[in-house]
């Protein structure tokens, strides 16, 4: 399983606001366990990915409303040769990825 760092940012914030601090910390501990067992990889955004994401953001948001986080995910997926994603966000469909909710 692969998670992108900006997605984690969104998840932590959403959890904090909806289920509270303690349960968010518990969730983080579970992610750390999955990472230590090599079930989960986290992709951190470097300057190159950020530049690619900005180019996507700038190019496609003329008629879209993709978040910068979406664009970083698109850039990571493109760089890794990934074509499928587990997501509920229809923006992945718009970018041409196969979405598996």
PDB file of N, CA and C in Angstrom:
ATOM      1  N   UNK A   1       0.843  -1.151   0.000  1.00  0.00           N
ATOM      2  CA  UNK A   1       0.000   0.000   0.000  1.00  0.00           C
ATOM      3  C   UNK A   1       0.907   1.237   0.000  1.00  0.00           C
ATOM      4  N   UNK A   2       0.463   2.247  -0.713  1.00  0.00           N
ATOM      5  CA  UNK A   2       1.251   3.461  -0.857  1.00  0.00           C
ATOM      6  C   UNK A   2       0.419   4.653  -0.426  1.00  0.00           C
ATOM      7  N   UNK A   3       0.977   5.501   0.411  1.00  0.00           N
ATOM      8  CA  UNK A   3       0.330   6.751   0.808  1.00  0.00           C
ATOM      9  C   UNK A   3       1.268   7.893   0.487  1.00  0.00           C
ATOM     10  N   UNK A   4       0.699   8.955   0.034  1.00  0.00           N
ATOM     11  CA  UNK A   4       1.462  10.153  -0.277  1.00  0.00           C
ATOM     12  C   UNK A   4       1.359  11.100   0.929  1.00  0.00           C
ATOM     13  N   UNK A   5       2.424  11.783   1.254  1.00  0.00           N
ATOM     14  CA  UNK A   5       2.505  12.561   2.492  1.00  0.00           C
ATOM     15  C   UNK A   5       1.420  13.627   2.611  1.00  0.00           C
ATOM     16  N   UNK A   6       1.070  14.289   1.524  1.00  0.00           N
ATOM     17  CA  UNK A   6       0.033  15.321   1.612  1.00  0.00           C
ATOM     18  C   UNK A   6      -1.340  14.708   1.894  1.00  0.00           C
ATOM     19  N   UNK A   7      -1.531  13.464   1.436  1.00  0.00           N
ATOM     20  CA  UNK A   7      -2.773  12.754   1.757  1.00  0.00           C
ATOM     21  C   UNK A   7      -2.835  12.503   3.259  1.00  0.00           C
ATOM     22  N   UNK A   8      -1.702  12.127   3.842  1.00  0.00           N
ATOM     23  CA  UNK A   8      -1.658  11.940   5.297  1.00  0.00           C
ATOM     24  C   UNK A   8      -2.049  13.230   6.019  1.00  0.00           C
ATOM     25  N   UNK A   9      -1.570  14.342   5.527  1.00  0.00           N
ATOM     26  CA  UNK A   9      -1.928  15.640   6.100  1.00  0.00           C
ATOM     27  C   UNK A   9      -3.448  15.812   6.110  1.00  0.00           C
ATOM     28  N   UNK A  10      -4.086  15.502   4.995  1.00  0.00           N
ATOM     29  CA  UNK A  10      -5.535  15.636   4.912  1.00  0.00           C
ATOM     30  C   UNK A  10      -6.240  14.645   5.843  1.00  0.00           C
ATOM     31  N   UNK A  11      -5.733  13.418   5.895  1.00  0.00           N
ATOM     32  CA  UNK A  11      -6.343  12.399   6.750  1.00  0.00           C
ATOM     33  C   UNK A  11      -6.251  12.801   8.223  1.00  0.00           C
ATOM     34  N   UNK A  12      -5.069  13.201   8.659  1.00  0.00           N
ATOM     35  CA  UNK A  12      -4.892  13.583  10.068  1.00  0.00           C
ATOM     36  C   UNK A  12      -5.818  14.740  10.454  1.00  0.00           C
ATOM     37  N   UNK A  13      -5.932  15.713   9.583  1.00  0.00           N
ATOM     38  CA  UNK A  13      -6.795  16.867   9.874  1.00  0.00           C
ATOM     39  C   UNK A  13      -8.252  16.440   9.927  1.00  0.00           C
ATOM     40  N   UNK A  14      -8.680  15.641   8.956  1.00  0.00           N
ATOM     41  CA  UNK A  14     -10.059  15.162   8.928  1.00  0.00           C
ATOM     42  C   UNK A  14     -10.388  14.346  10.175  1.00  0.00           C
ATOM     43  N   UNK A  15      -9.486  13.460  10.553  1.00  0.00           N
ATOM     44  CA  UNK A  15      -9.709  12.651  11.756  1.00  0.00           C
ATOM     45  C   UNK A  15      -9.762  13.514  13.013  1.00  0.00           C
ATOM     46  N   UNK A  16      -8.825  14.439  13.133  1.00  0.00           N
ATOM     47  CA  UNK A  16      -8.802  15.311  14.308  1.00  0.00           C
ATOM     48  C   UNK A  16     -10.128  16.042  14.465  1.00  0.00           C
ATOM     49  N   UNK A  17     -10.638  16.568  13.364  1.00  0.00           N
ATOM     50  CA  UNK A  17     -11.868  17.354  13.416  1.00  0.00           C
ATOM     51  C   UNK A  17     -13.113  16.510  13.628  1.00  0.00           C
ATOM     52  N   UNK A  18     -13.047  15.228  13.267  1.00  0.00           N
ATOM     53  CA  UNK A  18     -14.245  14.392  13.331  1.00  0.00           C
ATOM     54  C   UNK A  18     -14.260  13.357  14.442  1.00  0.00           C
ATOM     55  N   UNK A  19     -13.089  12.845  14.830  1.00  0.00           N
ATOM     56  CA  UNK A  19     -13.096  11.821  15.886  1.00  0.00           C
ATOM     57  C   UNK A  19     -12.196  12.170  17.066  1.00  0.00           C
ATOM     58  N   UNK A  20     -11.454  13.265  16.941  1.00  0.00           N
ATOM     59  CA  UNK A  20     -10.684  13.738  18.078  1.00  0.00           C
ATOM     60  C   UNK A  20      -9.213  13.372  18.066  1.00  0.00           C
ATOM     61  N   UNK A  21      -8.513  13.970  19.016  1.00  0.00           N
ATOM     62  CA  UNK A  21      -7.063  13.881  19.126  1.00  0.00           C
ATOM     63  C   UNK A  21      -6.583  12.467  19.421  1.00  0.00           C
ATOM     64  N   UNK A  22      -7.141  11.827  20.426  1.00  0.00           N
ATOM     65  CA  UNK A  22      -6.681  10.501  20.862  1.00  0.00           C
ATOM     66  C   UNK A  22      -6.835   9.459  19.754  1.00  0.00           C
ATOM     67  N   UNK A  23      -7.976   9.447  19.102  1.00  0.00           N
ATOM     68  CA  UNK A  23      -8.197   8.464  18.045  1.00  0.00           C
ATOM     69  C   UNK A  23      -7.312   8.753  16.830  1.00  0.00           C
ATOM     70  N   UNK A  24      -7.010  10.004  16.596  1.00  0.00           N
ATOM     71  CA  UNK A  24      -6.089  10.348  15.514  1.00  0.00           C
ATOM     72  C   UNK A  24      -4.697   9.825  15.827  1.00  0.00           C
ATOM     73  N   UNK A  25      -4.260   9.969  17.072  1.00  0.00           N
ATOM     74  CA  UNK A  25      -2.964   9.423  17.479  1.00  0.00           C
ATOM     75  C   UNK A  25      -2.946   7.902  17.362  1.00  0.00           C
ATOM     76  N   UNK A  26      -4.055   7.267  17.713  1.00  0.00           N
ATOM     77  CA  UNK A  26      -4.158   5.812  17.576  1.00  0.00           C
ATOM     78  C   UNK A  26      -4.023   5.391  16.111  1.00  0.00           C
ATOM     79  N   UNK A  27      -4.669   6.136  15.232  1.00  0.00           N
ATOM     80  CA  UNK A  27      -4.581   5.859  13.801  1.00  0.00           C
ATOM     81  C   UNK A  27      -3.136   5.963  13.318  1.00  0.00           C
ATOM     82  N   UNK A  28      -2.445   7.000  13.760  1.00  0.00           N
ATOM     83  CA  UNK A  28      -1.042   7.193  13.377  1.00  0.00           C
ATOM     84  C   UNK A  28      -0.192   6.010  13.836  1.00  0.00           C
ATOM     85  N   UNK A  29      -0.433   5.520  15.052  1.00  0.00           N
ATOM     86  CA  UNK A  29       0.307   4.355  15.550  1.00  0.00           C
ATOM     87  C   UNK A  29       0.070   3.134  14.668  1.00  0.00           C
ATOM     88  N   UNK A  30      -1.167   2.955  14.191  1.00  0.00           N
ATOM     89  CA  UNK A  30      -1.476   1.832  13.307  1.00  0.00           C
ATOM     90  C   UNK A  30      -0.753   1.977  11.974  1.00  0.00           C
ATOM     91  N   UNK A  31      -0.693   3.196  11.451  1.00  0.00           N
ATOM     92  CA  UNK A  31       0.058   3.427  10.219  1.00  0.00           C
ATOM     93  C   UNK A  31       1.539   3.133  10.420  1.00  0.00           C
ATOM     94  N   UNK A  32       2.080   3.557  11.555  1.00  0.00           N
ATOM     95  CA  UNK A  32       3.492   3.288  11.854  1.00  0.00           C
ATOM     96  C   UNK A  32       3.762   1.795  11.902  1.00  0.00           C
ATOM     97  N   UNK A  33       2.847   1.031  12.460  1.00  0.00           N
ATOM     98  CA  UNK A  33       2.987  -0.425  12.514  1.00  0.00           C
ATOM     99  C   UNK A  33       2.982  -1.012  11.100  1.00  0.00           C
ATOM    100  N   UNK A  34       2.047  -0.567  10.265  1.00  0.00           N
ATOM    101  CA  UNK A  34       1.995  -1.051   8.883  1.00  0.00           C
ATOM    102  C   UNK A  34       3.274  -0.709   8.129  1.00  0.00           C
ATOM    103  N   UNK A  35       3.802   0.469   8.403  1.00  0.00           N
ATOM    104  CA  UNK A  35       5.050   0.885   7.758  1.00  0.00           C
ATOM    105  C   UNK A  35       6.212  -0.002   8.230  1.00  0.00           C
ATOM    106  N   UNK A  36       6.279  -0.270   9.521  1.00  0.00           N
ATOM    107  CA  UNK A  36       7.362  -1.094  10.060  1.00  0.00           C
ATOM    108  C   UNK A  36       7.296  -2.536   9.559  1.00  0.00           C
ATOM    109  N   UNK A  37       6.090  -2.995   9.195  1.00  0.00           N
ATOM    110  CA  UNK A  37       5.907  -4.350   8.673  1.00  0.00           C
ATOM    111  C   UNK A  37       5.981  -4.393   7.142  1.00  0.00           C
ATOM    112  N   UNK A  38       6.384  -3.263   6.547  1.00  0.00           N
ATOM    113  CA  UNK A  38       6.515  -3.144   5.085  1.00  0.00           C
ATOM    114  C   UNK A  38       5.219  -3.400   4.330  1.00  0.00           C
ATOM    115  N   UNK A  39       4.098  -3.071   4.964  1.00  0.00           N
ATOM    116  CA  UNK A  39       2.796  -3.160   4.312  1.00  0.00           C
ATOM    117  C   UNK A  39       2.452  -1.816   3.669  1.00  0.00           C
ATOM    118  N   UNK A  40       3.019  -0.767   4.211  1.00  0.00           N
ATOM    119  CA  UNK A  40       2.712   0.597   3.787  1.00  0.00           C
ATOM    120  C   UNK A  40       3.997   1.348   3.470  1.00  0.00           C
ATOM    121  N   UNK A  41       3.995   2.043   2.357  1.00  0.00           N
ATOM    122  CA  UNK A  41       5.075   2.958   2.007  1.00  0.00           C
ATOM    123  C   UNK A  41       4.499   4.366   1.968  1.00  0.00           C
ATOM    124  N   UNK A  42       5.281   5.318   2.429  1.00  0.00           N
ATOM    125  CA  UNK A  42       4.876   6.720   2.379  1.00  0.00           C
ATOM    126  C   UNK A  42       5.808   7.438   1.423  1.00  0.00           C
ATOM    127  N   UNK A  43       5.229   8.143   0.468  1.00  0.00           N
ATOM    128  CA  UNK A  43       6.005   8.914  -0.490  1.00  0.00           C
ATOM    129  C   UNK A  43       6.014  10.361  -0.028  1.00  0.00           C
ATOM    130  N   UNK A  44       7.210  10.872   0.229  1.00  0.00           N
ATOM    131  CA  UNK A  44       7.360  12.266   0.646  1.00  0.00           C
ATOM    132  C   UNK A  44       7.554  13.134  -0.589  1.00  0.00           C
ATOM    133  N   UNK A  45       7.038  14.317  -0.530  1.00  0.00           N
ATOM    134  CA  UNK A  45       7.076  15.224  -1.673  1.00  0.00           C
ATOM    135  C   UNK A  45       8.367  16.023  -1.641  1.00  0.00           C
ATOM    136  N   UNK A  46       9.133  15.876  -2.719  1.00  0.00           N
ATOM    137  CA  UNK A  46      10.356  16.669  -2.833  1.00  0.00           C
ATOM    138  C   UNK A  46      10.118  17.823  -3.816  1.00  0.00           C
ATOM    139  N   UNK A  47      11.136  18.601  -4.051  1.00  0.00           N
ATOM    140  CA  UNK A  47      10.981  19.789  -4.892  1.00  0.00           C
ATOM    141  C   UNK A  47      10.594  19.414  -6.325  1.00  0.00           C
ATOM    142  N   UNK A  48      11.147  18.338  -6.842  1.00  0.00           N
ATOM    143  CA  UNK A  48      10.824  17.912  -8.207  1.00  0.00           C
ATOM    144  C   UNK A  48       9.340  17.552  -8.333  1.00  0.00           C
ATOM    145  N   UNK A  49       8.832  16.766  -7.390  1.00  0.00           N
ATOM    146  CA  UNK A  49       7.408  16.400  -7.412  1.00  0.00           C
ATOM    147  C   UNK A  49       6.547  17.644  -7.238  1.00  0.00           C
ATOM    148  N   UNK A  50       6.949  18.533  -6.338  1.00  0.00           N
ATOM    149  CA  UNK A  50       6.191  19.772  -6.131  1.00  0.00           C
ATOM    150  C   UNK A  50       6.138  20.604  -7.408  1.00  0.00           C
ATOM    151  N   UNK A  51       7.243  20.666  -8.138  1.00  0.00           N
ATOM    152  CA  UNK A  51       7.259  21.404  -9.410  1.00  0.00           C
ATOM    153  C   UNK A  51       6.340  20.742 -10.441  1.00  0.00           C
ATOM    154  N   UNK A  52       6.400  19.416 -10.514  1.00  0.00           N
ATOM    155  CA  UNK A  52       5.511  18.701 -11.436  1.00  0.00           C
ATOM    156  C   UNK A  52       4.047  18.924 -11.065  1.00  0.00           C
ATOM    157  N   UNK A  53       3.770  18.882  -9.768  1.00  0.00           N
ATOM    158  CA  UNK A  53       2.400  19.103  -9.290  1.00  0.00           C
ATOM    159  C   UNK A  53       1.932  20.509  -9.634  1.00  0.00           C
ATOM    160  N   UNK A  54       2.807  21.476  -9.467  1.00  0.00           N
ATOM    161  CA  UNK A  54       2.425  22.851  -9.801  1.00  0.00           C
ATOM    162  C   UNK A  54       2.111  22.975 -11.292  1.00  0.00           C
ATOM    163  N   UNK A  55       2.897  22.306 -12.128  1.00  0.00           N
ATOM    164  CA  UNK A  55       2.633  22.343 -13.565  1.00  0.00           C
ATOM    165  C   UNK A  55       1.270  21.741 -13.895  1.00  0.00           C
ATOM    166  N   UNK A  56       0.931  20.631 -13.248  1.00  0.00           N
ATOM    167  CA  UNK A  56      -0.389  20.020 -13.431  1.00  0.00           C
ATOM    168  C   UNK A  56      -1.473  20.974 -12.946  1.00  0.00           C
ATOM    169  N   UNK A  57      -1.274  21.534 -11.761  1.00  0.00           N
ATOM    170  CA  UNK A  57      -2.236  22.473 -11.175  1.00  0.00           C
ATOM    171  C   UNK A  57      -2.487  23.641 -12.124  1.00  0.00           C
ATOM    172  N   UNK A  58      -1.428  24.210 -12.625  1.00  0.00           N
ATOM    173  CA  UNK A  58      -1.503  25.378 -13.495  1.00  0.00           C
ATOM    174  C   UNK A  58      -2.134  25.026 -14.855  1.00  0.00           C
ATOM    175  N   UNK A  59      -1.769  23.903 -15.389  1.00  0.00           N
ATOM    176  CA  UNK A  59      -2.227  23.517 -16.728  1.00  0.00           C
ATOM    177  C   UNK A  59      -3.699  23.106 -16.763  1.00  0.00           C
ATOM    178  N   UNK A  60      -4.124  22.315 -15.789  1.00  0.00           N
ATOM    179  CA  UNK A  60      -5.450  21.706 -15.857  1.00  0.00           C
ATOM    180  C   UNK A  60      -6.542  22.447 -15.084  1.00  0.00           C
ATOM    181  N   UNK A  61      -6.185  23.309 -14.161  1.00  0.00           N
ATOM    182  CA  UNK A  61      -7.212  23.950 -13.337  1.00  0.00           C
ATOM    183  C   UNK A  61      -7.895  25.130 -14.008  1.00  0.00           C
ATOM    184  N   UNK A  62      -7.679  25.297 -15.288  1.00  0.00           N
ATOM    185  CA  UNK A  62      -8.417  26.313 -16.038  1.00  0.00           C
ATOM    186  C   UNK A  62      -9.916  26.012 -15.944  1.00  0.00           C
ATOM    187  N   UNK A  63     -10.256  24.714 -16.040  1.00  0.00           N
ATOM    188  CA  UNK A  63     -11.667  24.320 -15.972  1.00  0.00           C
ATOM    189  C   UNK A  63     -11.924  23.225 -14.931  1.00  0.00           C
ATOM    190  N   UNK A  64     -10.976  23.016 -14.024  1.00  0.00           N
ATOM    191  CA  UNK A  64     -11.112  22.007 -12.968  1.00  0.00           C
ATOM    192  C   UNK A  64     -10.958  22.689 -11.606  1.00  0.00           C
ATOM    193  N   UNK A  65     -11.184  21.919 -10.571  1.00  0.00           N
ATOM    194  CA  UNK A  65     -10.978  22.430  -9.203  1.00  0.00           C
ATOM    195  C   UNK A  65     -10.145  21.431  -8.410  1.00  0.00           C
ATOM    196  N   UNK A  66      -9.036  20.993  -9.021  1.00  0.00           N
ATOM    197  CA  UNK A  66      -8.173  20.039  -8.360  1.00  0.00           C
ATOM    198  C   UNK A  66      -7.350  20.730  -7.288  1.00  0.00           C
ATOM    199  N   UNK A  67      -7.280  20.101  -6.126  1.00  0.00           N
ATOM    200  CA  UNK A  67      -6.439  20.649  -5.070  1.00  0.00           C
ATOM    201  C   UNK A  67      -4.971  20.410  -5.416  1.00  0.00           C
ATOM    202  N   UNK A  68      -4.102  21.139  -4.755  1.00  0.00           N
ATOM    203  CA  UNK A  68      -2.676  20.905  -4.954  1.00  0.00           C
ATOM    204  C   UNK A  68      -2.304  19.499  -4.477  1.00  0.00           C
ATOM    205  N   UNK A  69      -2.978  19.022  -3.452  1.00  0.00           N
ATOM    206  CA  UNK A  69      -2.746  17.659  -2.985  1.00  0.00           C
ATOM    207  C   UNK A  69      -3.103  16.651  -4.075  1.00  0.00           C
ATOM    208  N   UNK A  70      -4.229  16.870  -4.763  1.00  0.00           N
ATOM    209  CA  UNK A  70      -4.573  16.015  -5.904  1.00  0.00           C
ATOM    210  C   UNK A  70      -3.432  16.011  -6.912  1.00  0.00           C
ATOM    211  N   UNK A  71      -2.942  17.188  -7.228  1.00  0.00           N
ATOM    212  CA  UNK A  71      -1.892  17.318  -8.247  1.00  0.00           C
ATOM    213  C   UNK A  71      -0.593  16.648  -7.820  1.00  0.00           C
ATOM    214  N   UNK A  72      -0.274  16.703  -6.524  1.00  0.00           N
ATOM    215  CA  UNK A  72       0.924  15.989  -6.062  1.00  0.00           C
ATOM    216  C   UNK A  72       0.711  14.486  -6.189  1.00  0.00           C
ATOM    217  N   UNK A  73      -0.497  14.022  -5.906  1.00  0.00           N
ATOM    218  CA  UNK A  73      -0.798  12.598  -6.068  1.00  0.00           C
ATOM    219  C   UNK A  73      -0.663  12.187  -7.530  1.00  0.00           C
ATOM    220  N   UNK A  74      -1.171  13.006  -8.438  1.00  0.00           N
ATOM    221  CA  UNK A  74      -1.066  12.702  -9.867  1.00  0.00           C
ATOM    222  C   UNK A  74       0.403  12.607 -10.280  1.00  0.00           C
ATOM    223  N   UNK A  75       1.218  13.544  -9.811  1.00  0.00           N
ATOM    224  CA  UNK A  75       2.643  13.552 -10.167  1.00  0.00           C
ATOM    225  C   UNK A  75       3.342  12.311  -9.613  1.00  0.00           C
ATOM    226  N   UNK A  76       3.055  11.955  -8.369  1.00  0.00           N
ATOM    227  CA  UNK A  76       3.663  10.759  -7.767  1.00  0.00           C
ATOM    228  C   UNK A  76       3.260   9.519  -8.562  1.00  0.00           C
ATOM    229  N   UNK A  77       1.988   9.407  -8.866  1.00  0.00           N
ATOM    230  CA  UNK A  77       1.509   8.237  -9.595  1.00  0.00           C
ATOM    231  C   UNK A  77       2.155   8.142 -10.971  1.00  0.00           C
ATOM    232  N   UNK A  78       2.243   9.265 -11.653  1.00  0.00           N
ATOM    233  CA  UNK A  78       2.862   9.273 -12.977  1.00  0.00           C
ATOM    234  C   UNK A  78       4.324   8.827 -12.881  1.00  0.00           C
ATOM    235  N   UNK A  79       5.061   9.363 -11.913  1.00  0.00           N
ATOM    236  CA  UNK A  79       6.469   9.009 -11.740  1.00  0.00           C
ATOM    237  C   UNK A  79       6.668   7.538 -11.398  1.00  0.00           C
ATOM    238  N   UNK A  80       5.711   6.965 -10.696  1.00  0.00           N
ATOM    239  CA  UNK A  80       5.830   5.562 -10.281  1.00  0.00           C
ATOM    240  C   UNK A  80       5.202   4.604 -11.283  1.00  0.00           C
ATOM    241  N   UNK A  81       4.616   5.142 -12.339  1.00  0.00           N
ATOM    242  CA  UNK A  81       3.984   4.301 -13.348  1.00  0.00           C
ATOM    243  C   UNK A  81       2.698   3.653 -12.880  1.00  0.00           C
ATOM    244  N   UNK A  82       2.032   4.269 -11.908  1.00  0.00           N
ATOM    245  CA  UNK A  82       0.781   3.729 -11.368  1.00  0.00           C
ATOM    246  C   UNK A  82      -0.404   4.208 -12.195  1.00  0.00           C
ATOM    247  N   UNK A  83      -1.344   3.323 -12.456  1.00  0.00           N
ATOM    248  CA  UNK A  83      -2.523   3.682 -13.242  1.00  0.00           C
ATOM    249  C   UNK A  83      -3.821   3.539 -12.456  1.00  0.00           C
ATOM    250  N   UNK A  84      -3.774   2.832 -11.325  1.00  0.00           N
ATOM    251  CA  UNK A  84      -4.966   2.608 -10.510  1.00  0.00           C
ATOM    252  C   UNK A  84      -4.788   3.202  -9.125  1.00  0.00           C
ATOM    253  N   UNK A  85      -5.906   3.664  -8.553  1.00  0.00           N
ATOM    254  CA  UNK A  85      -5.866   4.294  -7.246  1.00  0.00           C
ATOM    255  C   UNK A  85      -7.118   3.916  -6.455  1.00  0.00           C
ATOM    256  N   UNK A  86      -6.960   3.697  -5.159  1.00  0.00           N
ATOM    257  CA  UNK A  86      -8.103   3.552  -4.268  1.00  0.00           C
ATOM    258  C   UNK A  86      -8.449   4.954  -3.799  1.00  0.00           C
ATOM    259  N   UNK A  87      -9.582   5.472  -4.269  1.00  0.00           N
ATOM    260  CA  UNK A  87      -9.961   6.844  -3.927  1.00  0.00           C
ATOM    261  C   UNK A  87     -11.448   7.040  -4.185  1.00  0.00           C
ATOM    262  N   UNK A  88     -12.020   8.000  -3.508  1.00  0.00           N
ATOM    263  CA  UNK A  88     -13.405   8.378  -3.746  1.00  0.00           C
ATOM    264  C   UNK A  88     -13.483   9.656  -4.584  1.00  0.00           C
ATOM    265  N   UNK A  89     -12.364  10.307  -4.794  1.00  0.00           N
ATOM    266  CA  UNK A  89     -12.271  11.595  -5.481  1.00  0.00           C
ATOM    267  C   UNK A  89     -12.327  11.403  -6.995  1.00  0.00           C
ATOM    268  N   UNK A  90     -13.358  11.940  -7.624  1.00  0.00           N
ATOM    269  CA  UNK A  90     -13.529  11.793  -9.077  1.00  0.00           C
ATOM    270  C   UNK A  90     -12.459  12.522  -9.888  1.00  0.00           C
ATOM    271  N   UNK A  91     -11.656  13.337  -9.246  1.00  0.00           N
ATOM    272  CA  UNK A  91     -10.588  14.043  -9.957  1.00  0.00           C
ATOM    273  C   UNK A  91      -9.572  13.067 -10.562  1.00  0.00           C
ATOM    274  N   UNK A  92      -9.407  11.912  -9.933  1.00  0.00           N
ATOM    275  CA  UNK A  92      -8.501  10.904 -10.487  1.00  0.00           C
ATOM    276  C   UNK A  92      -9.034  10.380 -11.821  1.00  0.00           C
ATOM    277  N   UNK A  93     -10.364  10.251 -11.912  1.00  0.00           N
ATOM    278  CA  UNK A  93     -10.974   9.866 -13.190  1.00  0.00           C
ATOM    279  C   UNK A  93     -10.683  10.921 -14.252  1.00  0.00           C
ATOM    280  N   UNK A  94     -10.834  12.185 -13.872  1.00  0.00           N
ATOM    281  CA  UNK A  94     -10.614  13.286 -14.810  1.00  0.00           C
ATOM    282  C   UNK A  94      -9.183  13.280 -15.345  1.00  0.00           C
ATOM    283  N   UNK A  95      -8.223  12.853 -14.523  1.00  0.00           N
ATOM    284  CA  UNK A  95      -6.825  12.843 -14.921  1.00  0.00           C
ATOM    285  C   UNK A  95      -6.475  11.565 -15.702  1.00  0.00           C
ATOM    286  N   UNK A  96      -7.443  10.642 -15.794  1.00  0.00           N
ATOM    287  CA  UNK A  96      -7.236   9.453 -16.607  1.00  0.00           C
ATOM    288  C   UNK A  96      -6.787   8.224 -15.840  1.00  0.00           C
ATOM    289  N   UNK A  97      -6.816   8.277 -14.516  1.00  0.00           N
ATOM    290  CA  UNK A  97      -6.466   7.118 -13.706  1.00  0.00           C
ATOM    291  C   UNK A  97      -7.707   6.233 -13.517  1.00  0.00           C
ATOM    292  N   UNK A  98      -7.470   4.961 -13.231  1.00  0.00           N
ATOM    293  CA  UNK A  98      -8.561   4.039 -12.912  1.00  0.00           C
ATOM    294  C   UNK A  98      -8.777   4.124 -11.410  1.00  0.00           C
ATOM    295  N   UNK A  99      -9.969   4.520 -11.018  1.00  0.00           N
ATOM    296  CA  UNK A  99     -10.271   4.721  -9.601  1.00  0.00           C
ATOM    297  C   UNK A  99     -11.057   3.533  -9.080  1.00  0.00           C
ATOM    298  N   UNK A 100     -10.593   3.011  -7.951  1.00  0.00           N
ATOM    299  CA  UNK A 100     -11.257   1.892  -7.278  1.00  0.00           C
ATOM    300  C   UNK A 100     -11.709   2.357  -5.903  1.00  0.00           C
ATOM    301  N   UNK A 101     -12.982   2.763  -5.780  1.00  0.00           N
ATOM    302  CA  UNK A 101     -13.467   3.202  -4.458  1.00  0.00           C
ATOM    303  C   UNK A 101     -13.730   2.048  -3.513  1.00  0.00           C
TER     304      UNK A 101
END
